[in-house]
């Protein structure tokens, strides 16, 4: 959906986006990731960046290695997704 679609869809200020990252994608949240700037830019635009601690443990990634733009750490990303769906969030997966 492009920004003009959002403007015609209603109150775009009430739109909340969260990126829950788990599994292999955890590497994209590392400070030295090729997409680190994009992650920071997304966070700067108000997108909540959530990292799965279980995936971090499996991949041997520490919080010190993570992008400062990570908003929150959760024990298990899959449960965070289920919890948010129960709260009415929509789940989009590439």
N, C-alpha and C. Protein backbone atom coordinates (compact mmCIF):
# COMPACT_ATOMS: atom_id res chain seq x y z
N UNK A 1 0.86 -1.16 0.00
CA UNK A 1 0.00 0.00 0.00
C UNK A 1 0.91 1.22 0.00
N UNK A 2 0.68 2.15 -0.86
CA UNK A 2 1.51 3.35 -0.91
C UNK A 2 0.91 4.44 -0.02
N UNK A 3 1.69 5.50 0.23
CA UNK A 3 1.25 6.53 1.16
C UNK A 3 -0.05 7.20 0.72
N UNK A 4 -0.25 7.36 -0.58
CA UNK A 4 -1.50 7.99 -1.03
C UNK A 4 -2.69 7.09 -0.71
N UNK A 5 -2.50 5.77 -0.76
CA UNK A 5 -3.58 4.85 -0.39
C UNK A 5 -3.91 5.01 1.09
N UNK A 6 -2.86 5.18 1.92
CA UNK A 6 -3.07 5.34 3.35
C UNK A 6 -3.85 6.62 3.64
N UNK A 7 -3.54 7.68 2.90
CA UNK A 7 -4.22 8.94 3.12
C UNK A 7 -5.70 8.82 2.80
N UNK A 8 -6.04 8.06 1.77
CA UNK A 8 -7.45 7.92 1.40
C UNK A 8 -8.15 6.86 2.26
N UNK A 9 -7.39 6.06 2.98
CA UNK A 9 -7.97 4.98 3.77
C UNK A 9 -8.50 5.47 5.12
N UNK A 10 -8.19 6.69 5.49
CA UNK A 10 -8.67 7.20 6.77
C UNK A 10 -7.55 7.84 7.54
N UNK A 11 -7.62 7.73 8.85
CA UNK A 11 -6.67 8.37 9.75
C UNK A 11 -5.34 7.63 9.78
N UNK A 12 -4.38 8.07 8.97
CA UNK A 12 -3.09 7.39 8.91
C UNK A 12 -2.31 7.52 10.20
N UNK A 13 -2.64 8.50 11.04
CA UNK A 13 -1.94 8.66 12.31
C UNK A 13 -2.28 7.54 13.29
N UNK A 14 -3.37 6.83 13.04
CA UNK A 14 -3.74 5.74 13.94
C UNK A 14 -3.15 4.40 13.49
N UNK A 15 -2.41 4.41 12.39
CA UNK A 15 -1.79 3.19 11.88
C UNK A 15 -0.55 2.86 12.70
N UNK A 16 -0.46 1.64 13.20
CA UNK A 16 0.70 1.19 13.95
C UNK A 16 1.31 0.02 13.20
N UNK A 17 2.64 0.05 13.06
CA UNK A 17 3.34 -1.03 12.38
C UNK A 17 4.44 -1.54 13.30
N UNK A 18 4.50 -2.86 13.44
CA UNK A 18 5.55 -3.49 14.22
C UNK A 18 6.21 -4.55 13.35
N UNK A 19 7.51 -4.59 13.40
CA UNK A 19 8.28 -5.60 12.69
C UNK A 19 8.82 -6.57 13.74
N UNK A 20 8.23 -7.77 13.80
CA UNK A 20 8.66 -8.79 14.75
C UNK A 20 9.65 -9.69 14.01
N UNK A 21 10.89 -9.68 14.46
CA UNK A 21 11.97 -10.36 13.75
C UNK A 21 12.41 -11.59 14.54
N UNK A 22 12.45 -12.73 13.82
CA UNK A 22 12.86 -13.99 14.45
C UNK A 22 13.60 -14.84 13.44
N UNK A 23 14.19 -15.92 13.90
CA UNK A 23 14.89 -16.86 13.03
C UNK A 23 16.09 -16.24 12.34
N UNK A 24 16.33 -16.67 11.09
CA UNK A 24 17.48 -16.18 10.34
C UNK A 24 17.46 -14.67 10.13
N UNK A 25 16.26 -14.08 10.10
CA UNK A 25 16.14 -12.64 9.88
C UNK A 25 16.73 -11.83 11.03
N UNK A 26 16.99 -12.47 12.16
CA UNK A 26 17.59 -11.78 13.30
C UNK A 26 18.88 -11.09 12.91
N UNK A 27 19.62 -11.67 11.98
CA UNK A 27 20.89 -11.08 11.56
C UNK A 27 20.71 -9.69 10.95
N UNK A 28 19.54 -9.40 10.41
CA UNK A 28 19.33 -8.08 9.81
C UNK A 28 19.24 -6.98 10.87
N UNK A 29 19.06 -7.36 12.13
CA UNK A 29 18.99 -6.38 13.20
C UNK A 29 20.35 -6.08 13.82
N UNK A 30 21.37 -6.77 13.37
CA UNK A 30 22.70 -6.53 13.91
C UNK A 30 23.23 -5.18 13.42
N UNK A 31 24.06 -4.57 14.24
CA UNK A 31 24.64 -3.27 13.91
C UNK A 31 25.39 -3.28 12.59
N UNK A 32 26.07 -4.39 12.30
CA UNK A 32 26.89 -4.47 11.08
C UNK A 32 26.14 -5.06 9.88
N UNK A 33 24.83 -5.17 9.98
CA UNK A 33 24.02 -5.71 8.89
C UNK A 33 24.03 -4.78 7.68
N UNK A 34 23.98 -5.35 6.47
CA UNK A 34 23.89 -4.51 5.27
C UNK A 34 22.62 -3.65 5.23
N UNK A 35 21.60 -4.03 6.00
CA UNK A 35 20.35 -3.27 6.00
C UNK A 35 20.17 -2.47 7.30
N UNK A 36 21.23 -2.30 8.07
CA UNK A 36 21.15 -1.60 9.36
C UNK A 36 20.58 -0.19 9.21
N UNK A 37 21.00 0.53 8.17
CA UNK A 37 20.50 1.89 7.97
C UNK A 37 18.99 1.87 7.69
N UNK A 38 18.55 0.91 6.89
CA UNK A 38 17.12 0.79 6.60
C UNK A 38 16.30 0.48 7.85
N UNK A 39 16.85 -0.36 8.72
CA UNK A 39 16.18 -0.68 9.99
C UNK A 39 16.07 0.59 10.83
N UNK A 40 17.16 1.33 10.92
CA UNK A 40 17.15 2.58 11.69
C UNK A 40 16.17 3.59 11.09
N UNK A 41 16.15 3.68 9.77
CA UNK A 41 15.22 4.60 9.10
C UNK A 41 13.77 4.21 9.39
N UNK A 42 13.49 2.92 9.36
CA UNK A 42 12.12 2.44 9.64
C UNK A 42 11.73 2.80 11.07
N UNK A 43 12.63 2.58 12.01
CA UNK A 43 12.35 2.93 13.41
C UNK A 43 12.14 4.43 13.55
N UNK A 44 12.91 5.20 12.82
CA UNK A 44 12.77 6.65 12.85
C UNK A 44 11.44 7.14 12.31
N UNK A 45 10.79 6.31 11.50
CA UNK A 45 9.48 6.66 10.94
C UNK A 45 8.34 6.12 11.81
N UNK A 46 8.71 5.56 12.97
CA UNK A 46 7.68 5.11 13.91
C UNK A 46 7.36 3.63 13.89
N UNK A 47 8.10 2.85 13.12
CA UNK A 47 7.87 1.41 13.08
C UNK A 47 8.55 0.78 14.29
N UNK A 48 7.80 0.00 15.04
CA UNK A 48 8.32 -0.68 16.22
C UNK A 48 9.14 -1.88 15.77
N UNK A 49 10.37 -1.98 16.22
CA UNK A 49 11.25 -3.09 15.87
C UNK A 49 11.35 -4.01 17.08
N UNK A 50 10.89 -5.25 16.93
CA UNK A 50 10.83 -6.22 18.03
C UNK A 50 11.73 -7.40 17.69
N UNK A 51 12.64 -7.73 18.59
CA UNK A 51 13.58 -8.84 18.37
C UNK A 51 13.25 -10.03 19.27
N UNK A 52 13.35 -11.22 18.70
CA UNK A 52 13.11 -12.48 19.40
C UNK A 52 14.39 -12.92 20.12
N UNK A 53 14.33 -12.98 21.44
CA UNK A 53 15.50 -13.36 22.23
C UNK A 53 15.88 -14.83 22.01
N UNK A 54 14.90 -15.69 21.77
CA UNK A 54 15.21 -17.10 21.52
C UNK A 54 16.05 -17.22 20.25
N UNK A 55 15.65 -16.53 19.20
CA UNK A 55 16.41 -16.56 17.95
C UNK A 55 17.81 -15.99 18.14
N UNK A 56 17.90 -14.94 18.95
CA UNK A 56 19.21 -14.36 19.24
C UNK A 56 20.11 -15.38 19.93
N UNK A 57 19.54 -16.11 20.87
CA UNK A 57 20.31 -17.12 21.60
C UNK A 57 20.79 -18.22 20.65
N UNK A 58 19.90 -18.72 19.82
CA UNK A 58 20.25 -19.78 18.86
C UNK A 58 21.33 -19.32 17.90
N UNK A 59 21.25 -18.06 17.45
CA UNK A 59 22.19 -17.50 16.48
C UNK A 59 23.42 -16.91 17.15
N UNK A 60 23.46 -16.99 18.50
CA UNK A 60 24.58 -16.48 19.28
C UNK A 60 24.81 -14.97 19.03
N UNK A 61 23.71 -14.24 19.09
CA UNK A 61 23.74 -12.79 18.91
C UNK A 61 23.38 -12.16 20.26
N UNK A 62 24.18 -11.19 20.69
CA UNK A 62 23.93 -10.51 21.96
C UNK A 62 23.24 -9.17 21.72
N UNK A 63 22.68 -8.62 22.76
CA UNK A 63 22.05 -7.30 22.65
C UNK A 63 23.08 -6.24 22.25
N UNK A 64 24.30 -6.42 22.67
CA UNK A 64 25.35 -5.47 22.33
C UNK A 64 25.62 -5.44 20.83
N UNK A 65 25.31 -6.51 20.13
CA UNK A 65 25.51 -6.59 18.68
C UNK A 65 24.32 -6.05 17.89
N UNK A 66 23.25 -5.74 18.60
CA UNK A 66 22.01 -5.35 17.93
C UNK A 66 21.97 -3.85 17.65
N UNK A 67 21.24 -3.51 16.60
CA UNK A 67 20.99 -2.13 16.21
C UNK A 67 20.29 -1.41 17.37
N UNK A 68 20.71 -0.21 17.65
CA UNK A 68 20.11 0.57 18.73
C UNK A 68 18.64 0.88 18.48
N UNK A 69 18.18 0.68 17.25
CA UNK A 69 16.79 0.97 16.90
C UNK A 69 15.82 -0.13 17.34
N UNK A 70 16.34 -1.25 17.85
CA UNK A 70 15.43 -2.29 18.34
C UNK A 70 14.65 -1.70 19.51
N UNK A 71 13.35 -1.68 19.38
CA UNK A 71 12.47 -1.07 20.36
C UNK A 71 12.27 -1.96 21.58
N UNK A 72 12.12 -3.26 21.30
CA UNK A 72 11.77 -4.19 22.37
C UNK A 72 12.32 -5.57 22.07
N UNK A 73 12.62 -6.29 23.13
CA UNK A 73 13.04 -7.68 23.03
C UNK A 73 11.96 -8.53 23.68
N UNK A 74 11.57 -9.63 23.01
CA UNK A 74 10.56 -10.53 23.56
C UNK A 74 11.16 -11.93 23.65
N UNK A 75 10.69 -12.74 24.61
CA UNK A 75 11.26 -14.07 24.77
C UNK A 75 11.16 -14.94 23.51
N UNK A 76 9.99 -14.89 22.82
CA UNK A 76 9.78 -15.72 21.65
C UNK A 76 8.91 -14.96 20.64
N UNK A 77 9.44 -14.71 19.46
CA UNK A 77 8.75 -13.92 18.45
C UNK A 77 7.42 -14.50 18.02
N UNK A 78 7.35 -15.83 17.90
CA UNK A 78 6.10 -16.46 17.49
C UNK A 78 4.96 -16.18 18.46
N UNK A 79 5.25 -16.19 19.72
CA UNK A 79 4.22 -15.90 20.73
C UNK A 79 3.83 -14.43 20.69
N UNK A 80 4.78 -13.56 20.37
CA UNK A 80 4.46 -12.13 20.23
C UNK A 80 3.47 -11.93 19.09
N UNK A 81 3.69 -12.64 18.00
CA UNK A 81 2.78 -12.53 16.85
C UNK A 81 1.38 -13.03 17.23
N UNK A 82 1.31 -14.17 17.89
CA UNK A 82 0.02 -14.72 18.32
C UNK A 82 -0.69 -13.76 19.26
N UNK A 83 0.06 -13.20 20.21
CA UNK A 83 -0.50 -12.25 21.17
C UNK A 83 -1.08 -11.03 20.45
N UNK A 84 -0.33 -10.50 19.51
CA UNK A 84 -0.79 -9.31 18.78
C UNK A 84 -2.01 -9.63 17.91
N UNK A 85 -2.03 -10.80 17.32
CA UNK A 85 -3.21 -11.17 16.52
C UNK A 85 -4.45 -11.20 17.42
N UNK A 86 -4.28 -11.69 18.64
CA UNK A 86 -5.39 -11.70 19.59
C UNK A 86 -5.85 -10.30 19.97
N UNK A 87 -4.95 -9.33 19.85
CA UNK A 87 -5.27 -7.94 20.15
C UNK A 87 -5.86 -7.22 18.94
N UNK A 88 -5.97 -7.93 17.81
CA UNK A 88 -6.55 -7.33 16.62
C UNK A 88 -5.56 -6.92 15.55
N UNK A 89 -4.27 -7.16 15.77
CA UNK A 89 -3.26 -6.83 14.76
C UNK A 89 -3.40 -7.78 13.58
N UNK A 90 -3.07 -7.30 12.38
CA UNK A 90 -3.01 -8.15 11.20
C UNK A 90 -1.58 -8.61 11.03
N UNK A 91 -1.40 -9.83 10.57
CA UNK A 91 -0.08 -10.43 10.40
C UNK A 91 0.23 -10.53 8.91
N UNK A 92 1.24 -9.84 8.46
CA UNK A 92 1.67 -9.89 7.07
C UNK A 92 3.05 -10.52 7.02
N UNK A 93 3.20 -11.51 6.20
CA UNK A 93 4.47 -12.22 6.10
C UNK A 93 4.91 -12.22 4.63
N UNK A 94 6.18 -11.85 4.40
CA UNK A 94 6.64 -11.86 2.99
C UNK A 94 6.68 -13.24 2.40
